[in-house]
Protein backbone atom coordinates (compact mmCIF):
# COMPACT_ATOMS: atom_id res chain seq x y z
CA UNK A 1 0.00 0.00 0.00
CA UNK A 2 1.42 3.41 -0.94
CA UNK A 3 2.35 5.60 1.98
CA UNK A 4 1.68 9.03 0.57
CA UNK A 5 -1.12 10.99 2.22
CA UNK A 6 -3.00 14.26 1.97
CA UNK A 7 -3.75 15.92 5.29
CA UNK A 8 -6.47 18.56 5.50
CA UNK A 9 -6.21 21.25 8.16
CA UNK A 10 -8.35 24.36 8.60
CA UNK A 11 -6.98 27.41 10.38
CA UNK A 12 -7.37 31.14 10.76
CA UNK A 13 -6.36 32.86 7.50
CA UNK A 14 -3.67 34.91 9.26
CA UNK A 15 -1.98 31.71 10.47
CA UNK A 16 -2.02 29.70 7.22
CA UNK A 17 1.23 30.92 5.66
CA UNK A 18 3.35 30.38 8.78
CA UNK A 19 1.86 26.97 9.49
CA UNK A 20 2.44 25.83 5.90
CA UNK A 21 5.97 27.24 5.77
CA UNK A 22 6.97 25.65 9.09
CA UNK A 23 5.72 22.20 8.01
CA UNK A 24 7.63 22.35 4.72
CA UNK A 25 10.77 23.77 6.35
CA UNK A 26 10.74 20.97 8.92
CA UNK A 27 10.27 18.42 6.09
CA UNK A 28 7.06 17.06 7.58
CA UNK A 29 5.31 18.15 4.40
CA UNK A 30 6.62 18.11 0.83
CA UNK A 31 4.13 20.75 -0.27
CA UNK A 32 1.23 22.64 1.26
CA UNK A 33 -1.48 24.28 -0.81
CA UNK A 34 -3.19 27.14 0.99
CA UNK A 35 -6.78 27.74 -0.05
CA UNK A 36 -7.18 31.21 1.40
CA UNK A 37 -10.88 31.45 2.06
CA UNK A 38 -13.50 28.82 2.82
CA UNK A 39 -16.71 29.26 4.77
CA UNK A 40 -16.89 26.70 7.57
CA UNK A 41 -20.21 25.99 9.25
CA UNK A 42 -20.07 23.75 12.28
CA UNK A 43 -21.45 23.19 15.75
CA UNK A 44 -19.25 24.12 18.69
CA UNK A 45 -20.32 24.22 22.34
CA UNK A 46 -24.00 23.86 21.43
CA UNK A 47 -23.89 26.77 18.94
CA UNK A 48 -23.86 26.86 15.15
CA UNK A 49 -20.73 28.76 14.09
CA UNK A 50 -19.88 30.30 10.71
CA UNK A 51 -16.27 31.28 10.17
CA UNK A 52 -14.03 32.19 7.28
CA UNK A 53 -11.00 29.95 7.44
CA UNK A 54 -8.15 28.83 5.23
CA UNK A 55 -7.70 25.19 4.38
CA UNK A 56 -4.28 23.61 4.07
CA UNK A 57 -3.85 20.69 1.70
CA UNK A 58 -0.70 19.02 3.02
CA UNK A 59 1.19 16.35 1.06
CA UNK A 60 3.14 14.00 3.30
CA UNK A 61 3.67 10.33 4.16
CA UNK A 62 1.86 8.07 6.63
CA UNK A 63 5.18 7.31 8.37
CA UNK A 64 5.34 11.00 9.37
CA UNK A 65 1.68 11.43 10.32
CA UNK A 66 2.12 11.26 14.11
CA UNK A 67 4.97 13.79 14.00
CA UNK A 68 3.00 15.98 11.61
CA UNK A 69 -0.10 15.81 13.79
CA UNK A 70 1.88 16.68 16.93
CA UNK A 71 3.57 19.64 15.23
CA UNK A 72 0.28 20.97 13.88
CA UNK A 73 -1.18 20.79 17.39
CA UNK A 74 1.83 22.73 18.75
CA UNK A 75 1.54 25.46 16.12
CA UNK A 76 -2.25 25.66 15.83
CA UNK A 77 -4.34 28.17 17.78
CA UNK A 78 -7.53 26.06 17.91
CA UNK A 79 -8.28 23.87 20.93
CA UNK A 80 -9.40 21.06 18.60
CA UNK A 81 -7.85 21.57 15.15
CA UNK A 82 -9.13 19.63 12.17
CA UNK A 83 -6.39 17.19 11.15
CA UNK A 84 -7.71 14.63 8.68
CA UNK A 85 -5.50 12.24 6.69
CA UNK A 86 -6.52 10.73 3.36
CA UNK A 87 -4.45 8.13 1.49
CA UNK A 88 -3.17 8.88 -1.98
CA UNK A 89 -4.17 5.66 -3.70
CA UNK A 90 -2.49 6.46 -7.02
CA UNK A 91 -0.55 9.31 -8.54
CA UNK A 92 1.91 10.41 -11.19
CA UNK A 93 5.05 8.39 -10.35
CA UNK A 94 7.59 11.23 -10.87
CA UNK A 95 5.54 13.50 -8.60
CA UNK A 96 5.29 10.86 -5.87
CA UNK A 97 9.05 10.25 -6.12
CA UNK A 98 9.66 13.99 -5.71
CA UNK A 99 7.17 14.16 -2.81
CA UNK A 100 8.95 11.42 -0.87
CA UNK A 101 12.39 12.93 -1.56
CA UNK A 102 11.30 16.16 0.17
CA UNK A 103 10.33 14.45 3.43
CA UNK A 104 12.61 13.61 6.32
CA UNK A 105 13.31 9.92 6.73
CA UNK A 106 11.20 8.79 3.75
CA UNK A 107 12.72 7.27 0.61
């Protein structure tokens, strides 16, 4: 089974660039796409909330997920950040080779 993953994380728009840059710099992510503005509607503490957030589309590897998750929790301002991992079931081989070469400890 391939080990490449996409991790989705929402955050405050002002925090997106730093969070993305730190994850790439630390080689926990090969690439992070920042979608600057999404409307999130959710229930929190018995209230319906509507917030403008950014969504990060993080390309990484399942072997790094626990480290990635821990680092996101350290950097993130939310009490309960969204951190959702999805497997990449197939992809363009040269891209996946590049992706893995960017990550620490993954070959």
